[in-house]
Amino acid sequence: MDRIDELAHALTRLPGIGPRQGKRFVYYLLAAPAHERAKLAELIASLGKDVRQCPECLRFYNGTAGTICNYCSDTKRDNALLMLVEKDQDLAAIERAGTYRGHYFVLGGVLTLTGKGAIREKELVRAIETRLKNNLKEIVLALSATSEGEHTADHIRELLMPYRDAVKTSVLGRGLATGSELEYSDAETLRAALTNRKEA
């Protein structure tokens, strides 16, 4: 395999990138100045050094002197609320809406109806048990309004059964259209969904 095909093939491993798009990116990079390619390569190589995963919420963040991310270390956030999101991009969308002031947990995926996919179950149980000692009162299931999101929410409800007496479980209100991805929802829709959340 030559270098062009090899890089194009490597790019197809990225979400949403097919063989034709992979090739297009390679030819774009070939036409770009060498210093731009070098900068891109440097940014990719430094990701592992400068970005860490928070041990509490499991989101990726720019490494600082602290051992946990800025959201988990923020003492002004409401310890009574824990929002479960599929991925980092969903967390960022919620933050942009500017309504929610509780804590987060990133599930790292969804479960499909065919039994594929995975979520961070053990870590979630550990996070809930830790936060119960810290006044946790409500868990918000902030998952996309898709069949996978609904299936994952059902699975999490089962997982949360032992905690039902101590913690309320809620879901986002249907300001979100069915089939919509949380990541692409606008701030106003997310604000409405958060404000109108209901017990799950």
C-alpha atoms as a PDB file:
ATOM      1  CA  MET A   1       0.000   0.000   0.000  1.00  0.00           C
ATOM      2  CA  ASP A   2       1.470   3.369  -0.959  1.00  0.00           C
ATOM      3  CA  ARG A   3       1.622   6.324   1.471  1.00  0.00           C
ATOM      4  CA  ILE A   4      -1.424   8.099  -0.025  1.00  0.00           C
ATOM      5  CA  ASP A   5      -3.629   5.007   0.262  1.00  0.00           C
ATOM      6  CA  GLU A   6      -2.214   4.178   3.689  1.00  0.00           C
ATOM      7  CA  LEU A   7      -3.055   7.606   5.134  1.00  0.00           C
ATOM      8  CA  ALA A   8      -6.466   7.672   3.411  1.00  0.00           C
ATOM      9  CA  HIS A   9      -7.224   4.271   4.945  1.00  0.00           C
ATOM     10  CA  ALA A  10      -6.081   5.470   8.395  1.00  0.00           C
ATOM     11  CA  LEU A  11      -8.395   8.511   8.131  1.00  0.00           C
ATOM     12  CA  THR A  12     -11.412   6.274   7.425  1.00  0.00           C
ATOM     13  CA  ARG A  13     -11.135   5.041  11.030  1.00  0.00           C
ATOM     14  CA  LEU A  14     -12.353   8.469  12.148  1.00  0.00           C
ATOM     15  CA  PRO A  15     -16.135   8.689  12.741  1.00  0.00           C
ATOM     16  CA  GLY A  16     -18.106   9.710   9.656  1.00  0.00           C
ATOM     17  CA  ILE A  17     -15.140   9.528   7.258  1.00  0.00           C
ATOM     18  CA  GLY A  18     -15.480   7.256   4.224  1.00  0.00           C
ATOM     19  CA  PRO A  19     -12.831   6.215   1.667  1.00  0.00           C
ATOM     20  CA  ARG A  20     -13.550   9.138  -0.698  1.00  0.00           C
ATOM     21  CA  GLN A  21     -13.391  11.710   2.102  1.00  0.00           C
ATOM     22  CA  GLY A  22     -10.186  10.100   3.385  1.00  0.00           C
ATOM     23  CA  LYS A  23      -8.592  10.509  -0.054  1.00  0.00           C
ATOM     24  CA  ARG A  24      -9.836  14.106  -0.280  1.00  0.00           C
ATOM     25  CA  PHE A  25      -8.172  14.936   3.056  1.00  0.00           C
ATOM     26  CA  VAL A  26      -4.882  13.368   1.910  1.00  0.00           C
ATOM     27  CA  TYR A  27      -4.800  15.408  -1.308  1.00  0.00           C
ATOM     28  CA  TYR A  28      -5.696  18.552   0.660  1.00  0.00           C
ATOM     29  CA  LEU A  29      -2.750  17.887   2.991  1.00  0.00           C
ATOM     30  CA  LEU A  30      -0.419  17.255   0.053  1.00  0.00           C
ATOM     31  CA  ALA A  31      -1.363  20.632  -1.424  1.00  0.00           C
ATOM     32  CA  ALA A  32      -0.993  22.426   1.934  1.00  0.00           C
ATOM     33  CA  PRO A  33       2.330  24.052   2.925  1.00  0.00           C
ATOM     34  CA  ALA A  34       4.746  21.723   4.738  1.00  0.00           C
ATOM     35  CA  HIS A  35       4.572  23.812   7.938  1.00  0.00           C
ATOM     36  CA  GLU A  36       0.769  23.287   8.114  1.00  0.00           C
ATOM     37  CA  ARG A  37       1.227  19.505   7.860  1.00  0.00           C
ATOM     38  CA  ALA A  38       3.953  19.662  10.507  1.00  0.00           C
ATOM     39  CA  LYS A  39       1.701  21.690  12.850  1.00  0.00           C
ATOM     40  CA  LEU A  40      -1.159  19.212  12.402  1.00  0.00           C
ATOM     41  CA  ALA A  41       1.180  16.271  13.077  1.00  0.00           C
ATOM     42  CA  GLU A  42       2.504  18.054  16.188  1.00  0.00           C
ATOM     43  CA  LEU A  43      -1.032  18.701  17.505  1.00  0.00           C
ATOM     44  CA  ILE A  44      -1.999  15.047  17.024  1.00  0.00           C
ATOM     45  CA  ALA A  45       1.213  13.819  18.665  1.00  0.00           C
ATOM     46  CA  SER A  46       0.788  16.143  21.664  1.00  0.00           C
ATOM     47  CA  LEU A  47      -2.819  15.091  22.377  1.00  0.00           C
ATOM     48  CA  GLY A  48      -1.665  12.298  24.663  1.00  0.00           C
ATOM     49  CA  LYS A  49       0.695  14.582  26.580  1.00  0.00           C
ATOM     50  CA  ASP A  50      -1.517  17.626  27.062  1.00  0.00           C
ATOM     51  CA  VAL A  51      -4.996  16.100  27.373  1.00  0.00           C
ATOM     52  CA  ARG A  52      -6.070  13.934  30.299  1.00  0.00           C
ATOM     53  CA  GLN A  53      -9.196  12.001  31.246  1.00  0.00           C
ATOM     54  CA  CYS A  54     -10.842  13.151  34.458  1.00  0.00           C
ATOM     55  CA  PRO A  55     -11.010  10.220  36.921  1.00  0.00           C
ATOM     56  CA  GLU A  56     -14.386  11.413  38.255  1.00  0.00           C
ATOM     57  CA  CYS A  57     -16.543  12.349  35.239  1.00  0.00           C
ATOM     58  CA  LEU A  58     -14.344  10.580  32.620  1.00  0.00           C
ATOM     59  CA  ARG A  59     -14.376  13.508  30.179  1.00  0.00           C
ATOM     60  CA  PHE A  60     -11.210  14.570  28.371  1.00  0.00           C
ATOM     61  CA  TYR A  61      -9.768  17.935  29.368  1.00  0.00           C
ATOM     62  CA  ASN A  62      -6.625  20.013  28.915  1.00  0.00           C
ATOM     63  CA  GLY A  63      -4.229  18.897  31.627  1.00  0.00           C
ATOM     64  CA  THR A  64      -3.705  21.328  34.488  1.00  0.00           C
ATOM     65  CA  ALA A  65      -1.955  21.115  37.821  1.00  0.00           C
ATOM     66  CA  GLY A  66      -5.154  19.587  39.274  1.00  0.00           C
ATOM     67  CA  THR A  67      -5.900  15.871  39.235  1.00  0.00           C
ATOM     68  CA  ILE A  68      -9.561  16.359  38.231  1.00  0.00           C
ATOM     69  CA  CYS A  69     -11.206  18.577  35.596  1.00  0.00           C
ATOM     70  CA  ASN A  70     -12.483  22.119  36.171  1.00  0.00           C
ATOM     71  CA  TYR A  71     -16.139  20.990  36.365  1.00  0.00           C
ATOM     72  CA  CYS A  72     -15.507  18.314  38.993  1.00  0.00           C
ATOM     73  CA  SER A  73     -13.318  20.651  41.058  1.00  0.00           C
ATOM     74  CA  ASP A  74     -15.787  23.581  40.897  1.00  0.00           C
ATOM     75  CA  THR A  75     -17.159  23.960  44.447  1.00  0.00           C
ATOM     76  CA  LYS A  76     -20.015  26.189  43.168  1.00  0.00           C
ATOM     77  CA  ARG A  77     -21.573  23.282  41.273  1.00  0.00           C
ATOM     78  CA  ASP A  78     -24.588  21.519  42.779  1.00  0.00           C
ATOM     79  CA  ASN A  79     -23.537  18.184  44.355  1.00  0.00           C
ATOM     80  CA  ALA A  80     -27.187  17.060  44.403  1.00  0.00           C
ATOM     81  CA  LEU A  81     -27.272  16.737  40.582  1.00  0.00           C
ATOM     82  CA  LEU A  82     -25.449  14.226  38.375  1.00  0.00           C
ATOM     83  CA  MET A  83     -26.068  14.280  34.624  1.00  0.00           C
ATOM     84  CA  LEU A  84     -25.241  11.224  32.515  1.00  0.00           C
ATOM     85  CA  VAL A  85     -24.221  11.971  28.914  1.00  0.00           C
ATOM     86  CA  GLU A  86     -23.049   9.695  26.113  1.00  0.00           C
ATOM     87  CA  LYS A  87     -19.945  11.611  25.048  1.00  0.00           C
ATOM     88  CA  ASP A  88     -17.796  14.684  25.669  1.00  0.00           C
ATOM     89  CA  GLN A  89     -19.483  16.606  22.835  1.00  0.00           C
ATOM     90  CA  ASP A  90     -22.863  16.238  24.572  1.00  0.00           C
ATOM     91  CA  LEU A  91     -21.392  17.627  27.802  1.00  0.00           C
ATOM     92  CA  ALA A  92     -20.012  20.604  25.846  1.00  0.00           C
ATOM     93  CA  ALA A  93     -23.465  21.220  24.285  1.00  0.00           C
ATOM     94  CA  ILE A  94     -25.122  21.227  27.738  1.00  0.00           C
ATOM     95  CA  GLU A  95     -22.510  23.667  29.051  1.00  0.00           C
ATOM     96  CA  ARG A  96     -23.130  25.988  26.073  1.00  0.00           C
ATOM     97  CA  ALA A  97     -26.826  26.092  27.015  1.00  0.00           C
ATOM     98  CA  GLY A  98     -25.737  27.682  30.334  1.00  0.00           C
ATOM     99  CA  THR A  99     -28.623  26.274  32.424  1.00  0.00           C
ATOM    100  CA  TYR A 100     -27.205  23.233  34.207  1.00  0.00           C
ATOM    101  CA  ARG A 101     -24.930  23.722  37.233  1.00  0.00           C
ATOM    102  CA  GLY A 102     -24.552  20.166  38.546  1.00  0.00           C
ATOM    103  CA  HIS A 103     -21.929  17.496  37.898  1.00  0.00           C
ATOM    104  CA  TYR A 104     -21.465  15.106  34.957  1.00  0.00           C
ATOM    105  CA  PHE A 105     -20.592  11.531  34.105  1.00  0.00           C
ATOM    106  CA  VAL A 106     -19.600  10.558  30.533  1.00  0.00           C
ATOM    107  CA  LEU A 107     -20.870   7.067  29.665  1.00  0.00           C
ATOM    108  CA  GLY A 108     -18.480   6.680  26.730  1.00  0.00           C
ATOM    109  CA  GLY A 109     -21.087   5.253  24.340  1.00  0.00           C
ATOM    110  CA  VAL A 110     -24.578   3.816  23.993  1.00  0.00           C
ATOM    111  CA  LEU A 111     -26.099   0.349  23.850  1.00  0.00           C
ATOM    112  CA  THR A 112     -27.739  -0.750  20.603  1.00  0.00           C
ATOM    113  CA  LEU A 113     -30.860  -2.871  20.271  1.00  0.00           C
ATOM    114  CA  THR A 114     -28.722  -5.622  18.696  1.00  0.00           C
ATOM    115  CA  GLY A 115     -26.577  -5.859  21.825  1.00  0.00           C
ATOM    116  CA  LYS A 116     -23.588  -3.925  20.502  1.00  0.00           C
ATOM    117  CA  GLY A 117     -21.930  -0.965  22.144  1.00  0.00           C
ATOM    118  CA  ALA A 118     -20.820  -0.449  25.724  1.00  0.00           C
ATOM    119  CA  ILE A 119     -21.081   2.034  28.557  1.00  0.00           C
ATOM    120  CA  ARG A 120     -18.885   2.528  31.627  1.00  0.00           C
ATOM    121  CA  GLU A 121     -21.128   0.591  34.016  1.00  0.00           C
ATOM    122  CA  LYS A 122     -18.640  -0.182  36.808  1.00  0.00           C
ATOM    123  CA  GLU A 123     -17.326   3.372  36.809  1.00  0.00           C
ATOM    124  CA  LEU A 124     -20.895   4.729  36.863  1.00  0.00           C
ATOM    125  CA  VAL A 125     -21.860   2.637  39.893  1.00  0.00           C
ATOM    126  CA  ARG A 126     -18.661   3.757  41.632  1.00  0.00           C
ATOM    127  CA  ALA A 127     -19.406   7.429  40.797  1.00  0.00           C
ATOM    128  CA  ILE A 128     -22.971   7.160  42.128  1.00  0.00           C
ATOM    129  CA  GLU A 129     -21.895   5.486  45.362  1.00  0.00           C
ATOM    130  CA  THR A 130     -19.204   8.134  45.910  1.00  0.00           C
ATOM    131  CA  ARG A 131     -21.617  10.992  45.188  1.00  0.00           C
ATOM    132  CA  LEU A 132     -24.326   9.530  47.455  1.00  0.00           C
ATOM    133  CA  LYS A 133     -21.981  10.323  50.347  1.00  0.00           C
ATOM    134  CA  ASN A 134     -21.818  13.864  48.979  1.00  0.00           C
ATOM    135  CA  ASN A 135     -25.580  14.648  48.950  1.00  0.00           C
ATOM    136  CA  LEU A 136     -26.553  13.271  45.498  1.00  0.00           C
ATOM    137  CA  LYS A 137     -30.364  13.628  45.059  1.00  0.00           C
ATOM    138  CA  GLU A 138     -31.056  13.441  41.310  1.00  0.00           C
ATOM    139  CA  ILE A 139     -29.583  11.664  38.303  1.00  0.00           C
ATOM    140  CA  VAL A 140     -30.467  13.262  34.946  1.00  0.00           C
ATOM    141  CA  LEU A 141     -30.419  10.921  31.948  1.00  0.00           C
ATOM    142  CA  ALA A 142     -29.319  13.298  29.182  1.00  0.00           C
ATOM    143  CA  LEU A 143     -29.172  10.928  26.242  1.00  0.00           C
ATOM    144  CA  SER A 144     -29.966  11.567  22.581  1.00  0.00           C
ATOM    145  CA  ALA A 145     -33.599  11.065  21.515  1.00  0.00           C
ATOM    146  CA  THR A 146     -32.690   8.039  19.371  1.00  0.00           C
ATOM    147  CA  SER A 147     -33.543   4.331  19.716  1.00  0.00           C
ATOM    148  CA  GLU A 148     -30.019   3.708  21.043  1.00  0.00           C
ATOM    149  CA  GLY A 149     -30.372   6.557  23.549  1.00  0.00           C
ATOM    150  CA  GLU A 150     -33.730   5.206  24.751  1.00  0.00           C
ATOM    151  CA  HIS A 151     -32.390   1.649  25.007  1.00  0.00           C
ATOM    152  CA  THR A 152     -29.383   2.882  27.007  1.00  0.00           C
ATOM    153  CA  ALA A 153     -31.672   4.912  29.308  1.00  0.00           C
ATOM    154  CA  ASP A 154     -33.783   1.786  29.964  1.00  0.00           C
ATOM    155  CA  HIS A 155     -30.648  -0.190  30.841  1.00  0.00           C
ATOM    156  CA  ILE A 156     -29.429   2.562  33.184  1.00  0.00           C
ATOM    157  CA  ARG A 157     -32.831   2.673  34.936  1.00  0.00           C
ATOM    158  CA  GLU A 158     -32.398  -1.035  35.717  1.00  0.00           C
ATOM    159  CA  LEU A 159     -28.852  -0.374  36.925  1.00  0.00           C
ATOM    160  CA  LEU A 160     -30.156   2.387  39.216  1.00  0.00           C
ATOM    161  CA  MET A 161     -32.887   0.271  40.837  1.00  0.00           C
ATOM    162  CA  PRO A 162     -30.882  -0.310  44.059  1.00  0.00           C
ATOM    163  CA  TYR A 163     -30.638   3.491  44.512  1.00  0.00           C
ATOM    164  CA  ARG A 164     -34.303   4.378  43.790  1.00  0.00           C
ATOM    165  CA  ASP A 165     -35.085   5.209  47.427  1.00  0.00           C
ATOM    166  CA  ALA A 166     -32.130   7.562  47.750  1.00  0.00           C
ATOM    167  CA  VAL A 167     -31.988   9.219  44.321  1.00  0.00           C
ATOM    168  CA  LYS A 168     -34.584  10.522  41.878  1.00  0.00           C
ATOM    169  CA  THR A 169     -34.018   9.720  38.192  1.00  0.00           C
ATOM    170  CA  SER A 170     -35.165  12.198  35.536  1.00  0.00           C
ATOM    171  CA  VAL A 171     -34.959  12.476  31.751  1.00  0.00           C
ATOM    172  CA  LEU A 172     -34.718  15.546  29.549  1.00  0.00           C
ATOM    173  CA  GLY A 173     -38.049  17.072  28.501  1.00  0.00           C
ATOM    174  CA  ARG A 174     -39.081  16.629  24.912  1.00  0.00           C
ATOM    175  CA  GLY A 175     -37.865  19.954  23.653  1.00  0.00           C
ATOM    176  CA  LEU A 176     -35.676  17.494  21.751  1.00  0.00           C
ATOM    177  CA  ALA A 177     -37.137  16.037  18.580  1.00  0.00           C
ATOM    178  CA  THR A 178     -37.231  12.246  18.387  1.00  0.00           C
ATOM    179  CA  GLY A 179     -34.173  10.984  16.533  1.00  0.00           C
ATOM    180  CA  SER A 180     -32.105  14.075  17.330  1.00  0.00           C
ATOM    181  CA  GLU A 181     -28.497  13.951  18.532  1.00  0.00           C
ATOM    182  CA  LEU A 182     -27.827  15.903  21.723  1.00  0.00           C
ATOM    183  CA  GLU A 183     -24.496  17.155  20.377  1.00  0.00           C
ATOM    184  CA  TYR A 184     -26.200  19.066  17.529  1.00  0.00           C
ATOM    185  CA  SER A 185     -29.084  20.558  19.531  1.00  0.00           C
ATOM    186  CA  ASP A 186     -29.140  24.336  19.885  1.00  0.00           C
ATOM    187  CA  ALA A 187     -28.819  26.015  23.285  1.00  0.00           C
ATOM    188  CA  GLU A 188     -32.485  27.082  23.477  1.00  0.00           C
ATOM    189  CA  THR A 189     -33.746  23.541  22.795  1.00  0.00           C
ATOM    190  CA  LEU A 190     -31.391  22.140  25.443  1.00  0.00           C
ATOM    191  CA  ARG A 191     -32.511  24.801  27.951  1.00  0.00           C
ATOM    192  CA  ALA A 192     -36.151  23.780  27.355  1.00  0.00           C
ATOM    193  CA  ALA A 193     -35.301  20.097  27.641  1.00  0.00           C
ATOM    194  CA  LEU A 194     -33.481  20.678  30.947  1.00  0.00           C
ATOM    195  CA  THR A 195     -36.171  22.927  32.397  1.00  0.00           C
ATOM    196  CA  ASN A 196     -38.914  20.452  31.433  1.00  0.00           C
ATOM    197  CA  ARG A 197     -37.108  17.315  32.553  1.00  0.00           C
ATOM    198  CA  LYS A 198     -39.383  14.745  34.191  1.00  0.00           C
ATOM    199  CA  GLU A 199     -38.959  11.821  36.529  1.00  0.00           C
ATOM    200  CA  ALA A 200     -37.869   8.691  34.675  1.00  0.00           C
END
